Amino acid sequence: MQMRTRLEALIDEMLDGQIMLDEALTEFEKLYIQKALARNKEHLSRTATKLGIHRNTLAKRVAAYRTQERAADNHRARKSPARRKR
């Protein structure tokens, strides 16, 4: 299957699920960067070069993703009821 065909199928699925464009682009970028980092063993400079962006740009985006994840984790932790010790 060609990449364009796979992307079109994914886009159809996302549109059916009412995923907004901003959310789709943000999630795509985040996953793309995560995969690139994993392939480059978390080495920022090498990953940035492969992605064609400056190392500082990559570092800022990674830091922003981690901040968002921590905020989401904290939000989930506050929503779940506290467990009592018996």
PDB file of N, CA and C in Angstrom:
ATOM      1  N   MET A   1       0.855  -1.181   0.000  1.00  0.00           N
ATOM      2  CA  MET A   1       0.000   0.000   0.000  1.00  0.00           C
ATOM      3  C   MET A   1       0.902   1.247   0.000  1.00  0.00           C
ATOM      4  N   GLN A   2       0.615   2.167  -0.880  1.00  0.00           N
ATOM      5  CA  GLN A   2       1.399   3.390  -0.951  1.00  0.00           C
ATOM      6  C   GLN A   2       1.103   4.298   0.233  1.00  0.00           C
ATOM      7  N   MET A   3       2.048   5.173   0.529  1.00  0.00           N
ATOM      8  CA  MET A   3       1.884   6.059   1.675  1.00  0.00           C
ATOM      9  C   MET A   3       0.650   6.945   1.520  1.00  0.00           C
ATOM     10  N   ARG A   4       0.426   7.479   0.347  1.00  0.00           N
ATOM     11  CA  ARG A   4      -0.722   8.364   0.145  1.00  0.00           C
ATOM     12  C   ARG A   4      -2.037   7.630   0.412  1.00  0.00           C
ATOM     13  N   THR A   5      -2.131   6.392  -0.040  1.00  0.00           N
ATOM     14  CA  THR A   5      -3.336   5.591   0.173  1.00  0.00           C
ATOM     15  C   THR A   5      -3.558   5.342   1.661  1.00  0.00           C
ATOM     16  N   ARG A   6      -2.484   5.030   2.373  1.00  0.00           N
ATOM     17  CA  ARG A   6      -2.590   4.803   3.822  1.00  0.00           C
ATOM     18  C   ARG A   6      -2.979   6.082   4.546  1.00  0.00           C
ATOM     19  N   LEU A   7      -2.399   7.209   4.131  1.00  0.00           N
ATOM     20  CA  LEU A   7      -2.752   8.489   4.744  1.00  0.00           C
ATOM     21  C   LEU A   7      -4.213   8.851   4.486  1.00  0.00           C
ATOM     22  N   GLU A   8      -4.682   8.616   3.282  1.00  0.00           N
ATOM     23  CA  GLU A   8      -6.078   8.909   2.960  1.00  0.00           C
ATOM     24  C   GLU A   8      -7.027   8.085   3.816  1.00  0.00           C
ATOM     25  N   ALA A   9      -6.696   6.815   4.022  1.00  0.00           N
ATOM     26  CA  ALA A   9      -7.527   5.958   4.870  1.00  0.00           C
ATOM     27  C   ALA A   9      -7.524   6.466   6.309  1.00  0.00           C
ATOM     28  N   LEU A  10      -6.370   6.873   6.798  1.00  0.00           N
ATOM     29  CA  LEU A  10      -6.262   7.404   8.149  1.00  0.00           C
ATOM     30  C   LEU A  10      -7.054   8.706   8.278  1.00  0.00           C
ATOM     31  N   ILE A  11      -6.954   9.567   7.287  1.00  0.00           N
ATOM     32  CA  ILE A  11      -7.693  10.834   7.306  1.00  0.00           C
ATOM     33  C   ILE A  11      -9.193  10.570   7.313  1.00  0.00           C
ATOM     34  N   ASP A  12      -9.651   9.626   6.500  1.00  0.00           N
ATOM     35  CA  ASP A  12     -11.078   9.282   6.507  1.00  0.00           C
ATOM     36  C   ASP A  12     -11.521   8.823   7.891  1.00  0.00           C
ATOM     37  N   GLU A  13     -10.705   7.986   8.523  1.00  0.00           N
ATOM     38  CA  GLU A  13     -11.020   7.486   9.863  1.00  0.00           C
ATOM     39  C   GLU A  13     -11.071   8.641  10.873  1.00  0.00           C
ATOM     40  N   MET A  14     -10.141   9.565  10.764  1.00  0.00           N
ATOM     41  CA  MET A  14     -10.094  10.701  11.686  1.00  0.00           C
ATOM     42  C   MET A  14     -11.283  11.631  11.463  1.00  0.00           C
ATOM     43  N   LEU A  15     -11.640  11.846  10.219  1.00  0.00           N
ATOM     44  CA  LEU A  15     -12.800  12.696   9.920  1.00  0.00           C
ATOM     45  C   LEU A  15     -14.086  12.053  10.422  1.00  0.00           C
ATOM     46  N   ASP A  16     -14.190  10.743  10.279  1.00  0.00           N
ATOM     47  CA  ASP A  16     -15.361  10.036  10.797  1.00  0.00           C
ATOM     48  C   ASP A  16     -15.442  10.162  12.319  1.00  0.00           C
ATOM     49  N   GLY A  17     -14.298  10.228  12.972  1.00  0.00           N
ATOM     50  CA  GLY A  17     -14.253  10.374  14.420  1.00  0.00           C
ATOM     51  C   GLY A  17     -14.311  11.822  14.873  1.00  0.00           C
ATOM     52  N   GLN A  18     -14.510  12.725  13.935  1.00  0.00           N
ATOM     53  CA  GLN A  18     -14.635  14.165  14.194  1.00  0.00           C
ATOM     54  C   GLN A  18     -13.403  14.742  14.879  1.00  0.00           C
ATOM     55  N   ILE A  19     -12.245  14.327  14.411  1.00  0.00           N
ATOM     56  CA  ILE A  19     -10.981  14.872  14.907  1.00  0.00           C
ATOM     57  C   ILE A  19     -10.733  16.196  14.185  1.00  0.00           C
ATOM     58  N   MET A  20     -10.499  17.250  14.968  1.00  0.00           N
ATOM     59  CA  MET A  20     -10.264  18.570  14.393  1.00  0.00           C
ATOM     60  C   MET A  20      -8.849  18.638  13.813  1.00  0.00           C
ATOM     61  N   LEU A  21      -8.642  19.497  12.828  1.00  0.00           N
ATOM     62  CA  LEU A  21      -7.357  19.602  12.143  1.00  0.00           C
ATOM     63  C   LEU A  21      -6.225  19.942  13.102  1.00  0.00           C
ATOM     64  N   ASP A  22      -6.433  20.912  13.994  1.00  0.00           N
ATOM     65  CA  ASP A  22      -5.380  21.276  14.952  1.00  0.00           C
ATOM     66  C   ASP A  22      -4.954  20.084  15.791  1.00  0.00           C
ATOM     67  N   GLU A  23      -5.911  19.320  16.265  1.00  0.00           N
ATOM     68  CA  GLU A  23      -5.600  18.144  17.076  1.00  0.00           C
ATOM     69  C   GLU A  23      -4.835  17.103  16.261  1.00  0.00           C
ATOM     70  N   ALA A  24      -5.258  16.895  15.011  1.00  0.00           N
ATOM     71  CA  ALA A  24      -4.599  15.918  14.151  1.00  0.00           C
ATOM     72  C   ALA A  24      -3.152  16.321  13.870  1.00  0.00           C
ATOM     73  N   LEU A  25      -2.932  17.592  13.546  1.00  0.00           N
ATOM     74  CA  LEU A  25      -1.581  18.068  13.252  1.00  0.00           C
ATOM     75  C   LEU A  25      -0.681  17.993  14.476  1.00  0.00           C
ATOM     76  N   THR A  26      -1.207  18.394  15.621  1.00  0.00           N
ATOM     77  CA  THR A  26      -0.434  18.359  16.863  1.00  0.00           C
ATOM     78  C   THR A  26      -0.042  16.931  17.213  1.00  0.00           C
ATOM     79  N   GLU A  27      -0.989  16.019  17.117  1.00  0.00           N
ATOM     80  CA  GLU A  27      -0.714  14.623  17.460  1.00  0.00           C
ATOM     81  C   GLU A  27       0.269  14.000  16.474  1.00  0.00           C
ATOM     82  N   PHE A  28       0.121  14.325  15.184  1.00  0.00           N
ATOM     83  CA  PHE A  28       1.039  13.799  14.174  1.00  0.00           C
ATOM     84  C   PHE A  28       2.461  14.266  14.464  1.00  0.00           C
ATOM     85  N   GLU A  29       2.620  15.573  14.720  1.00  0.00           N
ATOM     86  CA  GLU A  29       3.954  16.115  14.985  1.00  0.00           C
ATOM     87  C   GLU A  29       4.575  15.461  16.220  1.00  0.00           C
ATOM     88  N   LYS A  30       3.783  15.328  17.266  1.00  0.00           N
ATOM     89  CA  LYS A  30       4.276  14.735  18.507  1.00  0.00           C
ATOM     90  C   LYS A  30       4.754  13.297  18.283  1.00  0.00           C
ATOM     91  N   LEU A  31       3.944  12.493  17.616  1.00  0.00           N
ATOM     92  CA  LEU A  31       4.319  11.100  17.358  1.00  0.00           C
ATOM     93  C   LEU A  31       5.514  10.997  16.417  1.00  0.00           C
ATOM     94  N   TYR A  32       5.559  11.879  15.420  1.00  0.00           N
ATOM     95  CA  TYR A  32       6.666  11.890  14.461  1.00  0.00           C
ATOM     96  C   TYR A  32       7.976  12.166  15.189  1.00  0.00           C
ATOM     97  N   ILE A  33       7.960  13.159  16.073  1.00  0.00           N
ATOM     98  CA  ILE A  33       9.153  13.510  16.845  1.00  0.00           C
ATOM     99  C   ILE A  33       9.522  12.379  17.806  1.00  0.00           C
ATOM    100  N   GLN A  34       8.533  11.784  18.476  1.00  0.00           N
ATOM    101  CA  GLN A  34       8.817  10.676  19.395  1.00  0.00           C
ATOM    102  C   GLN A  34       9.475   9.502  18.670  1.00  0.00           C
ATOM    103  N   LYS A  35       8.967   9.161  17.490  1.00  0.00           N
ATOM    104  CA  LYS A  35       9.541   8.062  16.705  1.00  0.00           C
ATOM    105  C   LYS A  35      10.964   8.395  16.261  1.00  0.00           C
ATOM    106  N   ALA A  36      11.167   9.638  15.815  1.00  0.00           N
ATOM    107  CA  ALA A  36      12.499  10.055  15.374  1.00  0.00           C
ATOM    108  C   ALA A  36      13.484  10.016  16.537  1.00  0.00           C
ATOM    109  N   LEU A  37      13.055  10.468  17.712  1.00  0.00           N
ATOM    110  CA  LEU A  37      13.918  10.409  18.889  1.00  0.00           C
ATOM    111  C   LEU A  37      14.275   8.968  19.236  1.00  0.00           C
ATOM    112  N   ALA A  38      13.304   8.087  19.188  1.00  0.00           N
ATOM    113  CA  ALA A  38      13.557   6.677  19.502  1.00  0.00           C
ATOM    114  C   ALA A  38      14.559   6.072  18.520  1.00  0.00           C
ATOM    115  N   ARG A  39      14.412   6.401  17.246  1.00  0.00           N
ATOM    116  CA  ARG A  39      15.340   5.872  16.238  1.00  0.00           C
ATOM    117  C   ARG A  39      16.761   6.385  16.439  1.00  0.00           C
ATOM    118  N   ASN A  40      16.876   7.568  17.022  1.00  0.00           N
ATOM    119  CA  ASN A  40      18.186   8.179  17.240  1.00  0.00           C
ATOM    120  C   ASN A  40      18.622   8.091  18.700  1.00  0.00           C
ATOM    121  N   LYS A  41      18.046   7.133  19.421  1.00  0.00           N
ATOM    122  CA  LYS A  41      18.396   6.855  20.817  1.00  0.00           C
ATOM    123  C   LYS A  41      18.351   8.115  21.673  1.00  0.00           C
ATOM    124  N   GLU A  42      17.289   8.919  21.481  1.00  0.00           N
ATOM    125  CA  GLU A  42      17.024  10.126  22.270  1.00  0.00           C
ATOM    126  C   GLU A  42      18.096  11.213  22.098  1.00  0.00           C
ATOM    127  N   HIS A  43      18.924  11.112  21.077  1.00  0.00           N
ATOM    128  CA  HIS A  43      19.979  12.098  20.824  1.00  0.00           C
ATOM    129  C   HIS A  43      19.363  13.288  20.087  1.00  0.00           C
ATOM    130  N   LEU A  44      19.272  14.432  20.784  1.00  0.00           N
ATOM    131  CA  LEU A  44      18.569  15.596  20.240  1.00  0.00           C
ATOM    132  C   LEU A  44      19.211  16.145  18.976  1.00  0.00           C
ATOM    133  N   SER A  45      20.510  16.337  18.966  1.00  0.00           N
ATOM    134  CA  SER A  45      21.169  16.937  17.803  1.00  0.00           C
ATOM    135  C   SER A  45      21.003  16.083  16.550  1.00  0.00           C
ATOM    136  N   ARG A  46      21.219  14.783  16.699  1.00  0.00           N
ATOM    137  CA  ARG A  46      21.068  13.880  15.557  1.00  0.00           C
ATOM    138  C   ARG A  46      19.620  13.868  15.062  1.00  0.00           C
ATOM    139  N   THR A  47      18.681  13.821  16.007  1.00  0.00           N
ATOM    140  CA  THR A  47      17.264  13.798  15.644  1.00  0.00           C
ATOM    141  C   THR A  47      16.879  15.084  14.931  1.00  0.00           C
ATOM    142  N   ALA A  48      17.323  16.215  15.464  1.00  0.00           N
ATOM    143  CA  ALA A  48      17.003  17.502  14.846  1.00  0.00           C
ATOM    144  C   ALA A  48      17.541  17.565  13.418  1.00  0.00           C
ATOM    145  N   THR A  49      18.748  17.078  13.225  1.00  0.00           N
ATOM    146  CA  THR A  49      19.329  17.064  11.876  1.00  0.00           C
ATOM    147  C   THR A  49      18.486  16.217  10.939  1.00  0.00           C
ATOM    148  N   LYS A  50      18.085  15.034  11.399  1.00  0.00           N
ATOM    149  CA  LYS A  50      17.261  14.147  10.567  1.00  0.00           C
ATOM    150  C   LYS A  50      15.915  14.781  10.229  1.00  0.00           C
ATOM    151  N   LEU A  51      15.358  15.560  11.188  1.00  0.00           N
ATOM    152  CA  LEU A  51      14.056  16.195  10.971  1.00  0.00           C
ATOM    153  C   LEU A  51      14.168  17.504  10.191  1.00  0.00           C
ATOM    154  N   GLY A  52      15.392  18.028  10.071  1.00  0.00           N
ATOM    155  CA  GLY A  52      15.587  19.276   9.346  1.00  0.00           C
ATOM    156  C   GLY A  52      15.188  20.509  10.154  1.00  0.00           C
ATOM    157  N   ILE A  53      15.293  20.397  11.493  1.00  0.00           N
ATOM    158  CA  ILE A  53      14.986  21.533  12.356  1.00  0.00           C
ATOM    159  C   ILE A  53      16.176  21.781  13.281  1.00  0.00           C
ATOM    160  N   HIS A  54      16.210  22.949  13.890  1.00  0.00           N
ATOM    161  CA  HIS A  54      17.297  23.281  14.813  1.00  0.00           C
ATOM    162  C   HIS A  54      17.131  22.502  16.116  1.00  0.00           C
ATOM    163  N   ARG A  55      18.248  22.172  16.726  1.00  0.00           N
ATOM    164  CA  ARG A  55      18.241  21.423  17.980  1.00  0.00           C
ATOM    165  C   ARG A  55      17.445  22.143  19.068  1.00  0.00           C
ATOM    166  N   ASN A  56      17.560  23.474  19.133  1.00  0.00           N
ATOM    167  CA  ASN A  56      16.817  24.223  20.144  1.00  0.00           C
ATOM    168  C   ASN A  56      15.309  24.132  19.920  1.00  0.00           C
ATOM    169  N   THR A  57      14.898  24.133  18.664  1.00  0.00           N
ATOM    170  CA  THR A  57      13.473  23.998  18.335  1.00  0.00           C
ATOM    171  C   THR A  57      12.966  22.645  18.812  1.00  0.00           C
ATOM    172  N   LEU A  58      13.741  21.610  18.535  1.00  0.00           N
ATOM    173  CA  LEU A  58      13.351  20.266  18.969  1.00  0.00           C
ATOM    174  C   LEU A  58      13.293  20.184  20.493  1.00  0.00           C
ATOM    175  N   ALA A  59      14.292  20.737  21.153  1.00  0.00           N
ATOM    176  CA  ALA A  59      14.330  20.699  22.621  1.00  0.00           C
ATOM    177  C   ALA A  59      13.110  21.402  23.218  1.00  0.00           C
ATOM    178  N   LYS A  60      12.719  22.542  22.657  1.00  0.00           N
ATOM    179  CA  LYS A  60      11.547  23.274  23.154  1.00  0.00           C
ATOM    180  C   LYS A  60      10.270  22.471  22.958  1.00  0.00           C
ATOM    181  N   ARG A  61      10.142  21.827  21.809  1.00  0.00           N
ATOM    182  CA  ARG A  61       8.939  21.031  21.552  1.00  0.00           C
ATOM    183  C   ARG A  61       8.862  19.821  22.473  1.00  0.00           C
ATOM    184  N   VAL A  62       9.989  19.154  22.667  1.00  0.00           N
ATOM    185  CA  VAL A  62      10.019  17.996  23.567  1.00  0.00           C
ATOM    186  C   VAL A  62       9.668  18.427  24.983  1.00  0.00           C
ATOM    187  N   ALA A  63      10.222  19.556  25.420  1.00  0.00           N
ATOM    188  CA  ALA A  63       9.918  20.064  26.764  1.00  0.00           C
ATOM    189  C   ALA A  63       8.435  20.392  26.886  1.00  0.00           C
ATOM    190  N   ALA A  64       7.855  20.978  25.847  1.00  0.00           N
ATOM    191  CA  ALA A  64       6.424  21.312  25.868  1.00  0.00           C
ATOM    192  C   ALA A  64       5.575  20.046  25.937  1.00  0.00           C
ATOM    193  N   TYR A  65       5.950  19.006  25.186  1.00  0.00           N
ATOM    194  CA  TYR A  65       5.191  17.747  25.227  1.00  0.00           C
ATOM    195  C   TYR A  65       5.244  17.146  26.627  1.00  0.00           C
ATOM    196  N   ARG A  66       6.417  17.178  27.233  1.00  0.00           N
ATOM    197  CA  ARG A  66       6.566  16.599  28.583  1.00  0.00           C
ATOM    198  C   ARG A  66       5.760  17.392  29.606  1.00  0.00           C
ATOM    199  N   THR A  67       5.736  18.713  29.462  1.00  0.00           N
ATOM    200  CA  THR A  67       4.945  19.550  30.362  1.00  0.00           C
ATOM    201  C   THR A  67       3.460  19.230  30.217  1.00  0.00           C
ATOM    202  N   GLN A  68       3.008  19.075  28.975  1.00  0.00           N
ATOM    203  CA  GLN A  68       1.602  18.729  28.720  1.00  0.00           C
ATOM    204  C   GLN A  68       1.263  17.373  29.323  1.00  0.00           C
ATOM    205  N   GLU A  69       2.156  16.410  29.171  1.00  0.00           N
ATOM    206  CA  GLU A  69       1.914  15.072  29.712  1.00  0.00           C
ATOM    207  C   GLU A  69       1.841  15.100  31.233  1.00  0.00           C
ATOM    208  N   ARG A  70       2.746  15.858  31.876  1.00  0.00           N
ATOM    209  CA  ARG A  70       2.718  15.976  33.335  1.00  0.00           C
ATOM    210  C   ARG A  70       1.427  16.624  33.812  1.00  0.00           C
ATOM    211  N   ALA A  71       0.988  17.658  33.094  1.00  0.00           N
ATOM    212  CA  ALA A  71      -0.254  18.338  33.465  1.00  0.00           C
ATOM    213  C   ALA A  71      -1.437  17.387  33.326  1.00  0.00           C
ATOM    214  N   ALA A  72      -1.449  16.590  32.264  1.00  0.00           N
ATOM    215  CA  ALA A  72      -2.530  15.622  32.062  1.00  0.00           C
ATOM    216  C   ALA A  72      -2.503  14.552  33.150  1.00  0.00           C
ATOM    217  N   ASP A  73      -1.295  14.099  33.509  1.00  0.00           N
ATOM    218  CA  ASP A  73      -1.172  13.098  34.583  1.00  0.00           C
ATOM    219  C   ASP A  73      -1.674  13.663  35.908  1.00  0.00           C
ATOM    220  N   ASN A  74      -1.310  14.901  36.204  1.00  0.00           N
ATOM    221  CA  ASN A  74      -1.764  15.539  37.443  1.00  0.00           C
ATOM    222  C   ASN A  74      -3.278  15.705  37.452  1.00  0.00           C
ATOM    223  N   HIS A  75      -3.828  16.050  36.304  1.00  0.00           N
ATOM    224  CA  HIS A  75      -5.281  16.220  36.195  1.00  0.00           C
ATOM    225  C   HIS A  75      -5.994  14.892  36.433  1.00  0.00           C
ATOM    226  N   ARG A  76      -5.463  13.821  35.843  1.00  0.00           N
ATOM    227  CA  ARG A  76      -6.062  12.497  36.035  1.00  0.00           C
ATOM    228  C   ARG A  76      -5.944  12.061  37.491  1.00  0.00           C
ATOM    229  N   ALA A  77      -4.806  12.358  38.109  1.00  0.00           N
ATOM    230  CA  ALA A  77      -4.595  11.963  39.504  1.00  0.00           C
ATOM    231  C   ALA A  77      -5.579  12.682  40.425  1.00  0.00           C
ATOM    232  N   ARG A  78      -5.870  13.936  40.139  1.00  0.00           N
ATOM    233  CA  ARG A  78      -6.814  14.690  40.969  1.00  0.00           C
ATOM    234  C   ARG A  78      -8.242  14.203  40.777  1.00  0.00           C
ATOM    235  N   LYS A  79      -8.552  13.706  39.585  1.00  0.00           N
ATOM    236  CA  LYS A  79      -9.914  13.239  39.317  1.00  0.00           C
ATOM    237  C   LYS A  79     -10.211  11.892  39.955  1.00  0.00           C
ATOM    238  N   SER A  80      -9.200  11.043  40.074  1.00  0.00           N
ATOM    239  CA  SER A  80      -9.438   9.710  40.642  1.00  0.00           C
ATOM    240  C   SER A  80      -9.578   9.818  42.153  1.00  0.00           C
ATOM    241  N   PRO A  81     -10.526   9.073  42.725  1.00  0.00           N
ATOM    242  CA  PRO A  81     -10.741   9.167  44.165  1.00  0.00           C
ATOM    243  C   PRO A  81      -9.537   8.618  44.931  1.00  0.00           C
ATOM    244  N   ALA A  82      -9.265   9.234  46.057  1.00  0.00           N
ATOM    245  CA  ALA A  82      -8.146   8.802  46.889  1.00  0.00           C
ATOM    246  C   ALA A  82      -8.489   7.445  47.505  1.00  0.00           C
ATOM    247  N   ARG A  83      -7.487   6.592  47.561  1.00  0.00           N
ATOM    248  CA  ARG A  83      -7.695   5.264  48.159  1.00  0.00           C
ATOM    249  C   ARG A  83      -7.355   5.335  49.625  1.00  0.00           C
ATOM    250  N   ARG A  84      -8.168   4.662  50.404  1.00  0.00           N
ATOM    251  CA  ARG A  84      -7.915   4.613  51.843  1.00  0.00           C
ATOM    252  C   ARG A  84      -7.133   3.367  52.169  1.00  0.00           C
ATOM    253  N   LYS A  85      -6.220   3.504  53.127  1.00  0.00           N
ATOM    254  CA  LYS A  85      -5.491   2.330  53.595  1.00  0.00           C
ATOM    255  C   LYS A  85      -6.347   1.594  54.606  1.00  0.00           C
ATOM    256  N   ARG A  86      -6.320   0.302  54.546  1.00  0.00           N
ATOM    257  CA  ARG A  86      -7.101  -0.502  55.474  1.00  0.00           C
ATOM    258  C   ARG A  86      -6.237  -1.096  56.531  1.00  0.00           C
TER     259      ARG A  86
END
